[in-house]
C-alpha atoms as a PDB file:
ATOM      1  CA  MET A   1     -77.141  43.968 138.549  1.00  0.00           C
ATOM      2  CA  SER A   2     -74.092  45.973 139.829  1.00  0.00           C
ATOM      3  CA  MET A   3     -70.561  44.726 139.391  1.00  0.00           C
ATOM      4  CA  THR A   4     -70.273  43.855 143.097  1.00  0.00           C
ATOM      5  CA  GLU A   5     -73.436  41.855 142.933  1.00  0.00           C
ATOM      6  CA  PHE A   6     -72.286  40.017 139.913  1.00  0.00           C
ATOM      7  CA  ASN A   7     -68.980  39.137 141.525  1.00  0.00           C
ATOM      8  CA  VAL A   8     -70.725  37.784 144.672  1.00  0.00           C
ATOM      9  CA  TRP A   9     -72.986  35.749 142.388  1.00  0.00           C
ATOM     10  CA  LEU A  10     -69.911  34.280 140.612  1.00  0.00           C
ATOM     11  CA  ASP A  11     -68.182  33.456 143.905  1.00  0.00           C
ATOM     12  CA  THR A  12     -71.332  31.677 145.146  1.00  0.00           C
ATOM     13  CA  VAL A  13     -71.868  29.610 142.025  1.00  0.00           C
ATOM     14  CA  PHE A  14     -68.305  28.483 141.752  1.00  0.00           C
ATOM     15  CA  VAL A  15     -67.960  27.591 145.402  1.00  0.00           C
ATOM     16  CA  VAL A  16     -71.130  25.474 145.056  1.00  0.00           C
ATOM     17  CA  LEU A  17     -69.721  23.829 141.926  1.00  0.00           C
ATOM     18  CA  PHE A  18     -66.456  23.078 143.742  1.00  0.00           C
ATOM     19  CA  VAL A  19     -68.313  21.467 146.591  1.00  0.00           C
ATOM     20  CA  LEU A  20     -70.436  19.412 144.170  1.00  0.00           C
ATOM     21  CA  VAL A  21     -67.369  18.212 142.296  1.00  0.00           C
ATOM     22  CA  LEU A  22     -65.662  17.169 145.476  1.00  0.00           C
ATOM     23  CA  CYS A  23     -68.851  15.253 146.530  1.00  0.00           C
ATOM     24  CA  PHE A  24     -69.009  13.585 143.167  1.00  0.00           C
ATOM     25  CA  LEU A  25     -65.391  12.521 143.410  1.00  0.00           C
ATOM     26  CA  VAL A  26     -66.065  11.031 146.807  1.00  0.00           C
ATOM     27  CA  PHE A  27     -69.146   9.190 145.417  1.00  0.00           C
ATOM     28  CA  HIS A  28     -67.104   8.022 142.436  1.00  0.00           C
ATOM     29  CA  PHE A  29     -64.319   6.618 144.708  1.00  0.00           C
ATOM     30  CA  THR A  30     -66.884   4.908 146.905  1.00  0.00           C
ATOM     31  CA  MET A  31     -68.321   3.252 143.830  1.00  0.00           C
ATOM     32  CA  GLY A  32     -64.792   1.998 142.950  1.00  0.00           C
ATOM     33  CA  ILE A  33     -64.704   0.241 146.294  1.00  0.00           C
ATOM     34  CA  VAL A  34     -68.153  -1.231 145.808  1.00  0.00           C
ATOM     35  CA  LYS A  35     -67.376  -2.358 142.265  1.00  0.00           C
ATOM     36  CA  GLY A  36     -64.051  -3.961 143.260  1.00  0.00           C
ATOM     37  CA  ARG A  37     -61.707  -1.655 141.244  1.00  0.00           C
ATOM     38  CA  PHE A  38     -60.105  -0.328 144.417  1.00  0.00           C
ATOM     39  CA  ARG A  39     -59.240  -3.807 145.635  1.00  0.00           C
ATOM     40  CA  MET A  40     -58.026  -4.801 142.120  1.00  0.00           C
ATOM     41  CA  LYS A  41     -55.723  -1.867 141.739  1.00  0.00           C
ATOM     42  CA  PHE A  42     -54.567  -0.902 145.230  1.00  0.00           C
ATOM     43  CA  ILE A  43     -54.537  -4.294 146.976  1.00  0.00           C
ATOM     44  CA  GLU A  44     -53.897  -6.726 144.097  1.00  0.00           C
ATOM     45  CA  LYS A  45     -51.721  -4.169 142.276  1.00  0.00           C
ATOM     46  CA  LYS A  46     -53.379  -4.920 138.872  1.00  0.00           C
ATOM     47  CA  TRP A  47     -52.548  -1.652 137.240  1.00  0.00           C
ATOM     48  CA  PRO A  48     -52.671  -0.819 133.536  1.00  0.00           C
ATOM     49  CA  GLU A  49     -49.675  -2.059 131.537  1.00  0.00           C
ATOM     50  CA  HIS A  50     -47.862   0.296 129.189  1.00  0.00           C
ATOM     51  CA  ASP A  51     -45.448   0.042 126.189  1.00  0.00           C
ATOM     52  CA  SER A  52     -43.234   2.926 127.141  1.00  0.00           C
ATOM     53  CA  VAL A  53     -42.522   5.591 129.766  1.00  0.00           C
ATOM     54  CA  ALA A  54     -42.607   9.364 129.178  1.00  0.00           C
ATOM     55  CA  PRO A  55     -39.246  11.091 128.319  1.00  0.00           C
ATOM     56  CA  LEU A  56     -37.520  13.281 130.815  1.00  0.00           C
ATOM     57  CA  GLY A  57     -38.431  16.539 129.040  1.00  0.00           C
ATOM     58  CA  PRO A  58     -42.261  16.234 129.325  1.00  0.00           C
ATOM     59  CA  LYS A  59     -41.857  15.067 132.926  1.00  0.00           C
ATOM     60  CA  LEU A  60     -39.877  18.225 133.938  1.00  0.00           C
ATOM     61  CA  LEU A  61     -42.237  20.481 132.065  1.00  0.00           C
ATOM     62  CA  HIS A  62     -45.221  18.825 133.659  1.00  0.00           C
ATOM     63  CA  ALA A  63     -43.807  19.040 137.189  1.00  0.00           C
ATOM     64  CA  THR A  64     -42.804  22.729 136.707  1.00  0.00           C
ATOM     65  CA  HIS A  65     -46.201  23.552 135.274  1.00  0.00           C
ATOM     66  CA  MET A  66     -48.053  21.839 138.029  1.00  0.00           C
ATOM     67  CA  PHE A  67     -46.126  23.602 140.818  1.00  0.00           C
ATOM     68  CA  MET A  68     -46.541  27.050 139.093  1.00  0.00           C
ATOM     69  CA  MET A  69     -50.185  26.433 138.524  1.00  0.00           C
ATOM     70  CA  VAL A  70     -50.616  25.802 142.214  1.00  0.00           C
ATOM     71  CA  VAL A  71     -48.733  29.053 142.921  1.00  0.00           C
ATOM     72  CA  LEU A  72     -51.024  30.854 140.449  1.00  0.00           C
ATOM     73  CA  GLY A  73     -54.081  29.425 142.094  1.00  0.00           C
ATOM     74  CA  ILE A  74     -53.069  30.374 145.638  1.00  0.00           C
ATOM     75  CA  THR A  75     -51.822  33.866 144.751  1.00  0.00           C
ATOM     76  CA  GLY A  76     -54.779  34.554 142.468  1.00  0.00           C
ATOM     77  CA  MET A  77     -57.231  33.623 145.093  1.00  0.00           C
ATOM     78  CA  TYR A  78     -55.405  35.810 147.617  1.00  0.00           C
ATOM     79  CA  ILE A  79     -55.530  38.780 145.219  1.00  0.00           C
ATOM     80  CA  ARG A  80     -59.349  38.421 145.060  1.00  0.00           C
ATOM     81  CA  PHE A  81     -59.830  37.375 148.758  1.00  0.00           C
ATOM     82  CA  PRO A  82     -56.941  38.917 150.699  1.00  0.00           C
ATOM     83  CA  TYR A  83     -57.299  36.853 153.886  1.00  0.00           C
ATOM     84  CA  PHE A  84     -54.387  38.606 155.628  1.00  0.00           C
ATOM     85  CA  GLN A  85     -53.281  42.212 155.391  1.00  0.00           C
ATOM     86  CA  GLY A  86     -50.336  43.646 153.535  1.00  0.00           C
ATOM     87  CA  GLY A  87     -49.540  40.915 151.072  1.00  0.00           C
ATOM     88  CA  ARG A  88     -51.297  41.964 147.941  1.00  0.00           C
ATOM     89  CA  VAL A  89     -48.355  43.636 146.232  1.00  0.00           C
ATOM     90  CA  ALA A  90     -46.048  40.756 146.967  1.00  0.00           C
ATOM     91  CA  MET A  91     -48.644  38.273 145.843  1.00  0.00           C
ATOM     92  CA  ARG A  92     -49.053  40.116 142.541  1.00  0.00           C
ATOM     93  CA  TYR A  93     -45.390  39.897 141.836  1.00  0.00           C
ATOM     94  CA  VAL A  94     -45.274  36.193 142.695  1.00  0.00           C
ATOM     95  CA  HIS A  95     -48.364  35.739 140.518  1.00  0.00           C
ATOM     96  CA  TYR A  96     -46.832  37.516 137.524  1.00  0.00           C
ATOM     97  CA  PHE A  97     -43.585  35.542 137.873  1.00  0.00           C
ATOM     98  CA  ALA A  98     -45.407  32.225 138.027  1.00  0.00           C
ATOM     99  CA  MET A  99     -47.509  33.410 135.003  1.00  0.00           C
ATOM    100  CA  ILE A 100     -44.344  34.025 132.942  1.00  0.00           C
ATOM    101  CA  VAL A 101     -42.885  30.691 133.859  1.00  0.00           C
ATOM    102  CA  VAL A 102     -46.163  28.903 132.815  1.00  0.00           C
ATOM    103  CA  CYS A 103     -46.191  30.811 129.530  1.00  0.00           C
ATOM    104  CA  ILE A 104     -42.581  29.840 128.766  1.00  0.00           C
ATOM    105  CA  ASN A 105     -43.528  26.284 129.735  1.00  0.00           C
ATOM    106  CA  LEU A 106     -46.501  26.312 127.366  1.00  0.00           C
ATOM    107  CA  VAL A 107     -44.506  27.573 124.416  1.00  0.00           C
ATOM    108  CA  TRP A 108     -41.732  25.016 125.154  1.00  0.00           C
ATOM    109  CA  ARG A 109     -44.246  22.112 125.421  1.00  0.00           C
ATOM    110  CA  VAL A 110     -45.880  23.119 122.128  1.00  0.00           C
ATOM    111  CA  TRP A 111     -42.474  23.377 120.490  1.00  0.00           C
ATOM    112  CA  TYR A 112     -41.596  19.962 121.890  1.00  0.00           C
ATOM    113  CA  ALA A 113     -44.837  18.417 120.603  1.00  0.00           C
ATOM    114  CA  PHE A 114     -44.296  19.592 117.016  1.00  0.00           C
ATOM    115  CA  TYR A 115     -40.561  20.136 116.491  1.00  0.00           C
ATOM    116  CA  SER A 116     -38.491  18.232 118.950  1.00  0.00           C
ATOM    117  CA  LYS A 117     -36.768  14.863 118.219  1.00  0.00           C
ATOM    118  CA  ASN A 118     -39.409  13.104 120.293  1.00  0.00           C
ATOM    119  CA  ARG A 119     -42.338  15.139 118.961  1.00  0.00           C
ATOM    120  CA  ASP A 120     -45.594  13.655 120.219  1.00  0.00           C
ATOM    121  CA  TRP A 121     -48.431  15.816 118.876  1.00  0.00           C
ATOM    122  CA  ARG A 122     -50.106  12.839 117.229  1.00  0.00           C
ATOM    123  CA  GLU A 123     -50.570  11.315 120.650  1.00  0.00           C
ATOM    124  CA  PHE A 124     -52.998  14.175 121.450  1.00  0.00           C
ATOM    125  CA  ALA A 125     -54.855  14.295 118.130  1.00  0.00           C
ATOM    126  CA  VAL A 126     -58.490  13.277 118.408  1.00  0.00           C
ATOM    127  CA  THR A 127     -59.250  10.755 115.589  1.00  0.00           C
ATOM    128  CA  ARG A 128     -62.437   9.142 114.374  1.00  0.00           C
ATOM    129  CA  GLU A 129     -61.543   5.991 116.203  1.00  0.00           C
ATOM    130  CA  ASP A 130     -61.248   8.067 119.358  1.00  0.00           C
ATOM    131  CA  MET A 131     -64.687   9.538 118.903  1.00  0.00           C
ATOM    132  CA  ALA A 132     -66.122   6.150 118.215  1.00  0.00           C
ATOM    133  CA  SER A 133     -64.753   4.961 121.569  1.00  0.00           C
ATOM    134  CA  ALA A 134     -66.146   7.957 123.502  1.00  0.00           C
ATOM    135  CA  LEU A 135     -69.297   6.233 124.812  1.00  0.00           C
ATOM    136  CA  GLY A 136     -67.313   3.209 125.855  1.00  0.00           C
ATOM    137  CA  VAL A 137     -64.850   5.354 127.804  1.00  0.00           C
ATOM    138  CA  LEU A 138     -67.686   7.292 129.462  1.00  0.00           C
ATOM    139  CA  ALA A 139     -69.412   3.971 130.301  1.00  0.00           C
ATOM    140  CA  TYR A 140     -66.229   2.708 132.050  1.00  0.00           C
ATOM    141  CA  TYR A 141     -65.814   5.848 134.112  1.00  0.00           C
ATOM    142  CA  GLY A 142     -69.467   5.825 134.993  1.00  0.00           C
ATOM    143  CA  TYR A 143     -69.239   2.177 136.135  1.00  0.00           C
ATOM    144  CA  PHE A 144     -71.667   0.951 133.501  1.00  0.00           C
ATOM    145  CA  SER A 145     -68.954  -1.153 132.037  1.00  0.00           C
ATOM    146  CA  ASN A 146     -65.685  -2.756 133.090  1.00  0.00           C
ATOM    147  CA  LYS A 147     -64.136  -2.318 129.660  1.00  0.00           C
ATOM    148  CA  LYS A 148     -62.370   0.932 128.702  1.00  0.00           C
ATOM    149  CA  PRO A 149     -61.586   0.879 124.973  1.00  0.00           C
ATOM    150  CA  HIS A 150     -58.100   1.873 123.905  1.00  0.00           C
ATOM    151  CA  VAL A 151     -57.323   2.998 120.412  1.00  0.00           C
ATOM    152  CA  ALA A 152     -54.195   5.111 121.336  1.00  0.00           C
ATOM    153  CA  LYS A 153     -51.861   5.927 124.177  1.00  0.00           C
ATOM    154  CA  TYR A 154     -54.445   8.297 125.640  1.00  0.00           C
ATOM    155  CA  ASN A 155     -58.211   7.763 125.584  1.00  0.00           C
ATOM    156  CA  VAL A 156     -60.519  10.321 124.002  1.00  0.00           C
ATOM    157  CA  MET A 157     -61.472  11.903 127.329  1.00  0.00           C
ATOM    158  CA  GLN A 158     -57.843  12.421 128.176  1.00  0.00           C
ATOM    159  CA  LYS A 159     -57.064  14.000 124.744  1.00  0.00           C
ATOM    160  CA  MET A 160     -60.007  16.298 124.962  1.00  0.00           C
ATOM    161  CA  SER A 161     -59.218  17.405 128.403  1.00  0.00           C
ATOM    162  CA  TYR A 162     -55.596  18.095 127.483  1.00  0.00           C
ATOM    163  CA  LEU A 163     -56.649  20.074 124.444  1.00  0.00           C
ATOM    164  CA  LEU A 164     -59.083  22.032 126.587  1.00  0.00           C
ATOM    165  CA  PHE A 165     -56.382  22.731 129.083  1.00  0.00           C
ATOM    166  CA  LEU A 166     -54.204  24.120 126.188  1.00  0.00           C
ATOM    167  CA  VAL A 167     -56.961  26.523 124.990  1.00  0.00           C
ATOM    168  CA  MET A 168     -57.709  27.636 128.558  1.00  0.00           C
ATOM    169  CA  MET A 169     -54.063  28.289 129.224  1.00  0.00           C
ATOM    170  CA  VAL A 170     -53.822  30.534 126.131  1.00  0.00           C
ATOM    171  CA  LEU A 171     -56.908  32.429 127.166  1.00  0.00           C
ATOM    172  CA  MET A 172     -55.701  32.580 130.749  1.00  0.00           C
ATOM    173  CA  ALA A 173     -52.487  34.163 129.558  1.00  0.00           C
ATOM    174  CA  ILE A 174     -54.155  36.685 127.309  1.00  0.00           C
ATOM    175  CA  THR A 175     -56.629  37.815 130.033  1.00  0.00           C
ATOM    176  CA  GLY A 176     -53.883  37.756 132.627  1.00  0.00           C
ATOM    177  CA  PHE A 177     -51.539  39.993 130.756  1.00  0.00           C
ATOM    178  CA  SER A 178     -54.511  42.264 130.015  1.00  0.00           C
ATOM    179  CA  LEU A 179     -54.785  42.988 133.778  1.00  0.00           C
ATOM    180  CA  VAL A 180     -51.371  44.658 133.875  1.00  0.00           C
ATOM    181  CA  THR A 181     -51.938  48.389 133.962  1.00  0.00           C
ATOM    182  CA  THR A 182     -48.343  49.498 134.470  1.00  0.00           C
ATOM    183  CA  PRO A 183     -47.188  51.721 131.495  1.00  0.00           C
ATOM    184  CA  LEU A 184     -44.449  49.834 129.725  1.00  0.00           C
ATOM    185  CA  LEU A 185     -44.155  51.462 126.256  1.00  0.00           C
ATOM    186  CA  PHE A 186     -44.940  55.051 125.228  1.00  0.00           C
ATOM    187  CA  GLY A 187     -47.167  55.401 128.294  1.00  0.00           C
ATOM    188  CA  THR A 188     -49.278  52.439 127.434  1.00  0.00           C
ATOM    189  CA  SER A 189     -49.806  49.230 129.375  1.00  0.00           C
ATOM    190  CA  PRO A 190     -50.544  45.621 128.302  1.00  0.00           C
ATOM    191  CA  ARG A 191     -54.110  46.277 129.139  1.00  0.00           C
ATOM    192  CA  ASP A 192     -54.256  48.951 126.503  1.00  0.00           C
ATOM    193  CA  TRP A 193     -52.568  46.714 123.970  1.00  0.00           C
ATOM    194  CA  ILE A 194     -54.726  43.596 124.510  1.00  0.00           C
ATOM    195  CA  VAL A 195     -58.234  44.812 125.394  1.00  0.00           C
ATOM    196  CA  GLY A 196     -58.236  48.584 125.674  1.00  0.00           C
ATOM    197  CA  TRP A 197     -58.096  49.513 121.969  1.00  0.00           C
ATOM    198  CA  TRP A 198     -60.978  47.342 120.896  1.00  0.00           C
ATOM    199  CA  LEU A 199     -63.001  46.122 123.875  1.00  0.00           C
ATOM    200  CA  GLY A 200     -62.664  49.614 125.527  1.00  0.00           C
ATOM    201  CA  SER A 201     -64.298  51.144 122.463  1.00  0.00           C
ATOM    202  CA  LEU A 202     -67.161  48.559 122.541  1.00  0.00           C
ATOM    203  CA  VAL A 203     -68.060  48.846 126.247  1.00  0.00           C
ATOM    204  CA  GLY A 204     -67.272  52.540 126.727  1.00  0.00           C
ATOM    205  CA  SER A 205     -63.945  52.652 128.665  1.00  0.00           C
ATOM    206  CA  VAL A 206     -60.605  50.891 129.068  1.00  0.00           C
ATOM    207  CA  ASP A 207     -61.348  50.391 132.791  1.00  0.00           C
ATOM    208  CA  LEU A 208     -64.503  48.529 132.001  1.00  0.00           C
ATOM    209  CA  ALA A 209     -62.761  46.501 129.396  1.00  0.00           C
ATOM    210  CA  GLY A 210     -60.235  45.525 132.086  1.00  0.00           C
ATOM    211  CA  TRP A 211     -63.099  44.488 134.352  1.00  0.00           C
ATOM    212  CA  TYR A 212     -64.503  42.164 131.677  1.00  0.00           C
ATOM    213  CA  ALA A 213     -61.073  40.635 131.165  1.00  0.00           C
ATOM    214  CA  ARG A 214     -60.640  40.272 134.995  1.00  0.00           C
ATOM    215  CA  THR A 215     -64.032  38.549 135.252  1.00  0.00           C
ATOM    216  CA  PHE A 216     -63.268  36.166 132.354  1.00  0.00           C
ATOM    217  CA  HIS A 217     -59.863  35.515 133.927  1.00  0.00           C
ATOM    218  CA  TYR A 218     -61.539  34.654 137.218  1.00  0.00           C
ATOM    219  CA  ILE A 219     -64.006  32.222 135.551  1.00  0.00           C
ATOM    220  CA  LEU A 220     -61.106  30.506 133.816  1.00  0.00           C
ATOM    221  CA  ASN A 221     -59.347  30.207 137.109  1.00  0.00           C
ATOM    222  CA  TRP A 222     -62.244  28.305 138.605  1.00  0.00           C
ATOM    223  CA  GLY A 223     -62.366  26.120 135.520  1.00  0.00           C
ATOM    224  CA  PHE A 224     -58.736  25.147 136.032  1.00  0.00           C
ATOM    225  CA  ILE A 225     -59.436  24.435 139.678  1.00  0.00           C
ATOM    226  CA  LEU A 226     -62.425  22.124 138.905  1.00  0.00           C
ATOM    227  CA  MET A 227     -60.654  20.341 136.076  1.00  0.00           C
ATOM    228  CA  THR A 228     -57.405  19.964 138.029  1.00  0.00           C
ATOM    229  CA  CYS A 229     -59.312  18.360 140.950  1.00  0.00           C
ATOM    230  CA  ILE A 230     -60.708  15.726 138.526  1.00  0.00           C
ATOM    231  CA  HIS A 231     -57.381  15.307 136.843  1.00  0.00           C
ATOM    232  CA  VAL A 232     -55.567  14.743 140.179  1.00  0.00           C
ATOM    233  CA  TYR A 233     -58.232  12.350 141.332  1.00  0.00           C
ATOM    234  CA  LEU A 234     -58.000  10.237 138.243  1.00  0.00           C
ATOM    235  CA  SER A 235     -54.228  10.244 138.371  1.00  0.00           C
ATOM    236  CA  ALA A 236     -54.278   9.050 141.950  1.00  0.00           C
ATOM    237  CA  THR A 237     -56.846   6.277 141.348  1.00  0.00           C
ATOM    238  CA  GLU A 238     -56.625   5.022 137.771  1.00  0.00           C
ATOM    239  CA  ASP A 239     -52.895   4.630 137.131  1.00  0.00           C
ATOM    240  CA  VAL A 240     -50.695   5.366 140.222  1.00  0.00           C
ATOM    241  CA  PRO A 241     -47.519   3.751 138.746  1.00  0.00           C
ATOM    242  CA  VAL A 242     -47.601   6.160 135.771  1.00  0.00           C
ATOM    243  CA  THR A 243     -48.149   9.085 138.267  1.00  0.00           C
ATOM    244  CA  MET A 244     -45.286   8.040 140.456  1.00  0.00           C
ATOM    245  CA  ASP A 245     -43.045   7.480 137.433  1.00  0.00           C
ATOM    246  CA  PHE A 246     -43.938  10.902 135.976  1.00  0.00           C
ATOM    247  CA  PHE A 247     -42.839  12.662 139.147  1.00  0.00           C
ATOM    248  CA  GLY A 248     -39.687  10.568 139.600  1.00  0.00           C
ATOM    249  CA  ILE A 249     -40.898   8.819 142.773  1.00  0.00           C
ATOM    250  CA  LYS A 250     -40.645   5.313 141.416  1.00  0.00           C
ATOM    251  CA  ALA A 251     -39.750   4.012 137.987  1.00  0.00           C
ATOM    252  CA  MET A 252     -42.605   2.234 136.220  1.00  0.00           C
ATOM    253  CA  ASP A 253     -42.421  -1.466 135.495  1.00  0.00           C
ATOM    254  CA  LEU A 254     -43.534  -1.920 131.900  1.00  0.00           C
ATOM    255  CA  GLY A 255     -44.562  -5.541 132.644  1.00  0.00           C
ATOM    256  CA  GLU A 256     -44.700  -8.417 130.317  1.00  0.00           C
ATOM    257  CA  GLY A 257     -48.043  -7.910 128.609  1.00  0.00           C
ATOM    258  CA  HIS A 258     -47.472  -4.446 127.291  1.00  0.00           C
ATOM    259  CA  GLY A 259     -50.149  -2.256 125.921  1.00  0.00           C
ATOM    260  CA  HIS A 260     -53.886  -2.129 126.251  1.00  0.00           C
ATOM    261  CA  ALA A 261     -55.079  -4.604 123.691  1.00  0.00           C
ATOM    262  CA  ASP A 262     -58.769  -5.811 124.358  1.00  0.00           C
ATOM    263  CA  THR A 263     -57.833  -9.427 123.781  1.00  0.00           C
ATOM    264  CA  PRO A 264     -58.994 -12.222 126.161  1.00  0.00           C
ATOM    265  CA  SER A 265     -56.754 -12.991 129.033  1.00  0.00           C
ATOM    266  CA  ASP A 266     -56.272 -15.953 131.339  1.00  0.00           C
ATOM    267  CA  ASP A 267     -58.649 -15.104 134.241  1.00  0.00           C
ATOM    268  CA  SER A 268     -58.406 -18.422 135.994  1.00  0.00           C
ATOM    269  CA  SER A 269     -56.672 -16.730 138.941  1.00  0.00           C
ATOM    270  CA  LEU A 270     -59.354 -14.135 139.385  1.00  0.00           C
ATOM    271  CA  PRO A 271     -61.716 -14.161 142.318  1.00  0.00           C
ATOM    272  CA  PRO A 272     -65.256 -15.385 141.680  1.00  0.00           C
ATOM    273  CA  GLY A 273     -67.399 -12.875 139.900  1.00  0.00           C
ATOM    274  CA  GLU A 274     -64.454 -11.198 138.097  1.00  0.00           C
ATOM    275  CA  GLU A 275     -64.000 -13.833 135.356  1.00  0.00           C
ATOM    276  CA  GLY A 276     -64.113 -12.314 131.852  1.00  0.00           C
ATOM    277  CA  LEU A 277     -63.071  -8.889 132.906  1.00  0.00           C
ATOM    278  CA  PRO A 278     -61.178  -7.208 129.990  1.00  0.00           C
ATOM    279  CA  PRO A 279     -57.445  -6.693 130.070  1.00  0.00           C
ATOM    280  CA  SER A 280     -58.134  -3.012 130.664  1.00  0.00           C
ATOM    281  CA  LEU A 281     -58.820  -4.099 134.267  1.00  0.00           C
ATOM    282  CA  VAL A 282     -56.809  -7.314 134.597  1.00  0.00           C
ATOM    283  CA  PRO A 283     -54.474  -5.448 134.537  1.00  0.00           C
ATOM    284  CA  GLY A 284     -55.082  -2.574 132.243  1.00  0.00           C
ATOM    285  CA  SER A 285     -57.146   0.551 132.047  1.00  0.00           C
END
């Protein structure tokens, strides 16, 4: 299989995956309507309750990161599929600028998690309790159960997806910088520093090493697109008040109940058929 054929194959596979993910999200949303979660949340406003709101620092980092990731996605796709003429050079510069901002953001966020006054790395650590709750969380999202177990601020699926995002961002940065072929030091480029000296020797040339890095970078790009679609969907359906608060649209009301304890609640006011639902749905998540 030639490089061109392989790239066409990659494009086809990921476009099909993208369509399948969108179809699944439409199906999942429809199931939410059928199961009554849409009415409970969007009409009756029974959203999850929380003990606290996110500090300003993570909110700003998240907003900046989200905007720059969108820029990276758009410019990256244009570089691969130039749908208008004459913009490739400009798009590359915008892409590189956004890439640098995202890298700075990433380092800043990791520093914040471990060394700031409000360090929060423990909120993302996957514990035994988290793993024990995994099947329950999956059952909730799959509509096999109306109870989503909470053992921490974030459920196990959230923690694992955030950690996966972190690993993917590091790999995305490494492969992205390895595509820069402009000589910057002693006639050598970032591609020479990152992949040329070792991968080039293994595959036979620096150019071929760059092709492998570009291909892996492209695969990671699609991984981000697919995961971001799911992340945005869940943010827009599972906990809208948190999403609005996170972007400064509307301050979140912490409510009176606070937290996600799975203790019985007074369900006398619930419509018929919804008695006995756990606090994760009345309200909660």
